[in-house]
Amino acid sequence: MDVTIYHNPACGTSRNTLEMIRAAGIEPTVIEYLQSPPSHDELTRMISDAGLTVRQAIREKGTPYAELGLHDPKLTDDQLLDAMLKDPILINRPFVVTPLGTRLARPSEVVLDILPNAFKKAFFKEDGEQVLDQEGKRVV
């Protein structure tokens, strides 16, 4: 299965998502988006395919969101996208694209919605939270 993750290795959610993809037996294409941001069209498509608005795809915490005045409701989607592409830390992460769909994997287990049901064992996040049981089924 062709899977792409827009990844930030400094982000625990992004690392957990990447490890869940690998636990499904898939080695994804890993794009470190801070160094290689998506194009305007790619970002627009990912946001739309994930069923999000541009504002929902902006990361506020730990970014220059407030300093740039991006909370201003008068800003258009294109203006917000331009800000995200100029300063990719504003792109929320991780976005994952598969043939089964696109998701902003926050929380990381959202990625399970767009992966094949190929899990055979338990999976735990970095913090010890169990996501999959011993049979590879989602823990509710």
Protein backbone atom coordinates (compact mmCIF):
# COMPACT_ATOMS: atom_id res chain seq x y z
CA MET A 1 0.00 0.00 0.00
CA ASP A 2 1.29 3.45 -0.94
CA VAL A 3 1.29 5.60 2.21
CA THR A 4 2.77 9.06 2.70
CA ILE A 5 3.23 10.75 6.06
CA TYR A 6 4.05 14.44 6.42
CA HIS A 7 6.22 13.97 9.46
CA ASN A 8 7.94 16.01 12.15
CA PRO A 9 10.38 13.75 14.02
CA ALA A 10 10.32 16.14 17.00
CA CYS A 11 6.56 15.52 17.49
CA GLY A 12 5.43 12.57 19.62
CA THR A 13 2.09 12.32 17.82
CA SER A 14 3.91 12.18 14.50
CA ARG A 15 6.35 9.52 15.78
CA ASN A 16 3.47 7.41 17.15
CA THR A 17 1.62 7.67 13.85
CA LEU A 18 4.69 6.61 11.88
CA GLU A 19 5.21 3.61 14.15
CA MET A 20 1.54 2.56 13.76
CA ILE A 21 1.93 2.64 9.99
CA ARG A 22 5.05 0.50 10.27
CA ALA A 23 3.27 -1.87 12.69
CA ALA A 24 0.76 -2.47 9.87
CA GLY A 25 3.66 -3.79 7.79
CA ILE A 26 3.90 -0.67 5.64
CA GLU A 27 7.05 1.35 5.05
CA PRO A 28 5.64 4.77 4.14
CA THR A 29 7.12 7.60 2.20
CA VAL A 30 8.23 9.96 4.95
CA ILE A 31 8.26 13.64 4.09
CA GLU A 32 9.79 15.86 6.74
CA TYR A 33 7.54 18.75 5.84
CA LEU A 34 9.54 21.38 7.74
CA GLN A 35 12.38 20.86 5.22
CA SER A 36 10.18 19.88 2.24
CA PRO A 37 6.75 21.49 2.60
CA PRO A 38 3.96 20.44 0.27
CA SER A 39 2.99 22.68 -2.61
CA HIS A 40 -0.01 24.99 -2.32
CA ASP A 41 -2.09 22.53 -4.35
CA GLU A 42 -0.92 19.50 -2.34
CA LEU A 43 -1.67 21.18 0.98
CA THR A 44 -5.07 22.37 -0.24
CA ARG A 45 -5.92 18.84 -1.46
CA MET A 46 -4.79 17.18 1.79
CA ILE A 47 -6.85 19.57 3.91
CA SER A 48 -9.91 19.08 1.72
CA ASP A 49 -9.51 15.29 1.49
CA ALA A 50 -9.20 15.11 5.28
CA GLY A 51 -12.52 16.96 5.57
CA LEU A 52 -10.97 19.94 7.32
CA THR A 53 -11.09 23.67 6.91
CA VAL A 54 -7.84 25.55 6.43
CA ARG A 55 -8.23 27.00 9.93
CA GLN A 56 -8.53 23.47 11.38
CA ALA A 57 -5.25 22.53 9.69
CA ILE A 58 -3.26 25.38 11.25
CA ARG A 59 -1.11 24.64 14.27
CA GLU A 60 -1.25 27.37 16.90
CA LYS A 61 0.82 25.94 19.77
CA GLY A 62 4.55 26.47 19.48
CA THR A 63 4.24 28.52 16.30
CA PRO A 64 4.20 32.20 15.30
CA TYR A 65 0.40 31.97 14.82
CA ALA A 66 -0.44 34.76 17.27
CA GLU A 67 2.49 37.01 16.31
CA LEU A 68 1.43 36.82 12.65
CA GLY A 69 -2.17 37.74 13.51
CA LEU A 70 -3.52 34.56 11.90
CA HIS A 71 -6.47 34.53 14.30
CA ASP A 72 -7.95 37.43 12.27
CA PRO A 73 -11.25 36.12 10.84
CA LYS A 74 -10.87 38.44 7.83
CA LEU A 75 -7.95 36.42 6.49
CA THR A 76 -8.84 34.27 3.50
CA ASP A 77 -7.98 30.60 3.09
CA ASP A 78 -5.37 31.54 0.50
CA GLN A 79 -3.74 33.99 2.90
CA LEU A 80 -3.66 31.33 5.61
CA LEU A 81 -2.25 28.74 3.19
CA ASP A 82 0.44 31.19 2.10
CA ALA A 83 1.42 31.71 5.75
CA MET A 84 1.54 27.93 6.31
CA LEU A 85 3.76 27.41 3.29
CA LYS A 86 6.06 30.31 4.18
CA ASP A 87 6.44 28.96 7.73
CA PRO A 88 5.66 25.19 7.60
CA ILE A 89 5.66 24.87 11.41
CA LEU A 90 2.13 26.31 11.05
CA ILE A 91 0.98 23.12 9.26
CA ASN A 92 -0.60 20.81 11.79
CA ARG A 93 0.83 17.32 11.76
CA PRO A 94 0.98 14.59 10.86
CA PHE A 95 -1.02 14.39 7.66
CA VAL A 96 -1.20 10.86 6.28
CA VAL A 97 -2.30 10.03 2.74
CA THR A 98 -3.28 6.49 1.69
CA PRO A 99 -5.51 5.00 -1.02
CA LEU A 100 -8.14 4.66 1.74
CA GLY A 101 -8.17 8.36 2.56
CA THR A 102 -6.33 11.31 4.07
CA ARG A 103 -6.27 12.21 7.75
CA LEU A 104 -4.70 14.67 10.10
CA ALA A 105 -3.67 12.01 12.61
CA ARG A 106 -4.46 13.87 15.82
CA PRO A 107 -4.76 11.81 17.93
CA SER A 108 -2.35 9.40 16.27
CA GLU A 109 -4.79 6.45 16.28
CA VAL A 110 -6.95 8.29 13.72
CA VAL A 111 -4.50 6.84 11.16
CA LEU A 112 -6.07 3.41 11.78
CA ASP A 113 -9.15 4.61 9.84
CA ILE A 114 -7.13 4.72 6.61
CA LEU A 115 -4.88 1.67 7.03
CA PRO A 116 -5.70 -1.93 6.14
CA ASN A 117 -6.66 -4.13 9.07
CA ALA A 118 -3.26 -5.86 9.04
CA PHE A 119 -2.34 -5.63 12.71
CA LYS A 120 -1.47 -8.90 14.44
CA LYS A 121 -0.30 -7.73 17.86
CA ALA A 122 -0.65 -5.08 20.54
CA PHE A 123 0.55 -1.54 19.96
CA PHE A 124 1.43 1.01 22.61
CA LYS A 125 2.19 4.70 22.14
CA GLU A 126 5.45 6.18 23.41
CA ASP A 127 3.71 7.19 26.64
CA GLY A 128 2.51 3.62 27.25
CA GLU A 129 -1.11 4.15 26.18
CA GLN A 130 -2.41 0.98 24.52
CA VAL A 131 -4.01 1.52 21.09
CA LEU A 132 -4.29 -2.10 19.86
CA ASP A 133 -4.87 -5.28 21.88
CA GLN A 134 -2.92 -8.57 21.59
CA GLU A 135 -4.95 -9.52 18.48
CA GLY A 136 -4.35 -6.18 16.79
CA LYS A 137 -7.86 -4.86 17.44
CA ARG A 138 -8.47 -1.26 18.47
CA VAL A 139 -8.76 -0.66 22.21
CA VAL A 140 -11.77 1.50 22.90
